[in-house]
Amino acid sequence: MTSHQLADELKRIATTQVSDITRAVKEGQKSIALNEVRDMARRLGLLADAFDPESAAEKAETVDGAQAA
């Protein structure tokens, strides 16, 4: 993925999610706004993992180890 493609994807995620969050806030739908924030964080995390798969593998090992304890 080139830096231009990464920038385009970040803009797309931010634009879409911020629009949804703004709409939910204006409509007084706090839970929907919070869900949109969580969704944005999830999407950004997936993008980061795709960009750095080694880091994603390390996170998965840490989570798996914590669940086994």
C-alpha atoms as a PDB file:
ATOM      1  CA  MET A   1       0.000   0.000   0.000  1.00  0.00           C
ATOM      2  CA  THR A   2       1.446   3.341  -1.002  1.00  0.00           C
ATOM      3  CA  SER A   3       1.378   6.379   1.239  1.00  0.00           C
ATOM      4  CA  HIS A   4      -1.145   7.945  -1.160  1.00  0.00           C
ATOM      5  CA  GLN A   5      -3.458   4.925  -0.854  1.00  0.00           C
ATOM      6  CA  LEU A   6      -3.098   4.980   2.938  1.00  0.00           C
ATOM      7  CA  ALA A   7      -3.935   8.681   3.050  1.00  0.00           C
ATOM      8  CA  ASP A   8      -6.999   8.118   0.845  1.00  0.00           C
ATOM      9  CA  GLU A   9      -8.234   5.298   3.062  1.00  0.00           C
ATOM     10  CA  LEU A  10      -7.714   7.331   6.236  1.00  0.00           C
ATOM     11  CA  LYS A  11      -9.660  10.233   4.711  1.00  0.00           C
ATOM     12  CA  ARG A  12     -12.461   7.895   3.666  1.00  0.00           C
ATOM     13  CA  ILE A  13     -12.760   6.324   7.107  1.00  0.00           C
ATOM     14  CA  ALA A  14     -12.599   9.671   8.889  1.00  0.00           C
ATOM     15  CA  THR A  15     -15.084  11.388   6.590  1.00  0.00           C
ATOM     16  CA  THR A  16     -17.643   8.599   6.758  1.00  0.00           C
ATOM     17  CA  GLN A  17     -17.403   7.978  10.469  1.00  0.00           C
ATOM     18  CA  VAL A  18     -17.294  11.626  11.534  1.00  0.00           C
ATOM     19  CA  SER A  19     -20.361  12.282   9.378  1.00  0.00           C
ATOM     20  CA  ASP A  20     -22.212   9.408  11.069  1.00  0.00           C
ATOM     21  CA  ILE A  21     -21.102  10.556  14.538  1.00  0.00           C
ATOM     22  CA  THR A  22     -22.181  14.146  13.839  1.00  0.00           C
ATOM     23  CA  ARG A  23     -25.570  13.004  12.591  1.00  0.00           C
ATOM     24  CA  ALA A  24     -26.143  10.813  15.663  1.00  0.00           C
ATOM     25  CA  VAL A  25     -25.133  13.612  18.040  1.00  0.00           C
ATOM     26  CA  LYS A  26     -27.443  16.100  16.321  1.00  0.00           C
ATOM     27  CA  GLU A  27     -30.281  13.587  16.639  1.00  0.00           C
ATOM     28  CA  GLY A  28     -29.503  13.061  20.327  1.00  0.00           C
ATOM     29  CA  GLN A  29     -28.607   9.400  19.836  1.00  0.00           C
ATOM     30  CA  LYS A  30     -25.720   9.030  22.243  1.00  0.00           C
ATOM     31  CA  SER A  31     -25.460   5.239  22.006  1.00  0.00           C
ATOM     32  CA  ILE A  32     -25.313   5.344  18.200  1.00  0.00           C
ATOM     33  CA  ALA A  33     -22.620   8.044  18.332  1.00  0.00           C
ATOM     34  CA  LEU A  34     -20.574   5.919  20.745  1.00  0.00           C
ATOM     35  CA  ASN A  35     -21.006   2.879  18.512  1.00  0.00           C
ATOM     36  CA  GLU A  36     -19.755   4.917  15.557  1.00  0.00           C
ATOM     37  CA  VAL A  37     -16.686   5.968  17.567  1.00  0.00           C
ATOM     38  CA  ARG A  38     -16.015   2.318  18.406  1.00  0.00           C
ATOM     39  CA  ASP A  39     -16.487   1.356  14.761  1.00  0.00           C
ATOM     40  CA  MET A  40     -14.025   4.041  13.657  1.00  0.00           C
ATOM     41  CA  ALA A  41     -11.469   2.779  16.175  1.00  0.00           C
ATOM     42  CA  ARG A  42     -11.990  -0.786  14.934  1.00  0.00           C
ATOM     43  CA  ARG A  43     -11.573   0.237  11.282  1.00  0.00           C
ATOM     44  CA  LEU A  44      -8.434   2.227  12.033  1.00  0.00           C
ATOM     45  CA  GLY A  45      -7.064  -0.717  14.006  1.00  0.00           C
ATOM     46  CA  LEU A  46      -7.707  -3.079  11.099  1.00  0.00           C
ATOM     47  CA  LEU A  47      -6.006  -0.659   8.738  1.00  0.00           C
ATOM     48  CA  ALA A  48      -3.020  -0.400  11.074  1.00  0.00           C
ATOM     49  CA  ASP A  49      -2.853  -4.194  11.330  1.00  0.00           C
ATOM     50  CA  ALA A  50      -2.958  -4.517   7.544  1.00  0.00           C
ATOM     51  CA  PHE A  51      -0.156  -1.998   7.290  1.00  0.00           C
ATOM     52  CA  ASP A  52       1.969  -3.735   9.970  1.00  0.00           C
ATOM     53  CA  PRO A  53       0.999  -7.445  10.128  1.00  0.00           C
ATOM     54  CA  GLU A  54       3.841  -8.330  12.520  1.00  0.00           C
ATOM     55  CA  SER A  55       2.424  -5.980  15.143  1.00  0.00           C
ATOM     56  CA  ALA A  56      -1.037  -7.537  14.676  1.00  0.00           C
ATOM     57  CA  ALA A  57       0.408 -11.017  15.278  1.00  0.00           C
ATOM     58  CA  GLU A  58       2.082  -9.832  18.496  1.00  0.00           C
ATOM     59  CA  LYS A  59      -1.204  -8.329  19.720  1.00  0.00           C
ATOM     60  CA  ALA A  60      -3.048 -11.578  18.992  1.00  0.00           C
ATOM     61  CA  GLU A  61      -0.501 -13.572  20.987  1.00  0.00           C
ATOM     62  CA  THR A  62      -0.840 -11.182  23.927  1.00  0.00           C
ATOM     63  CA  VAL A  63      -4.649 -11.404  23.872  1.00  0.00           C
ATOM     64  CA  ASP A  64      -4.599 -15.198  23.563  1.00  0.00           C
ATOM     65  CA  GLY A  65      -2.190 -15.457  26.490  1.00  0.00           C
ATOM     66  CA  ALA A  66      -4.325 -13.171  28.649  1.00  0.00           C
ATOM     67  CA  GLN A  67      -7.479 -15.185  27.895  1.00  0.00           C
ATOM     68  CA  ALA A  68      -5.788 -18.464  28.836  1.00  0.00           C
ATOM     69  CA  ALA A  69      -4.784 -17.138  32.269  1.00  0.00           C
END
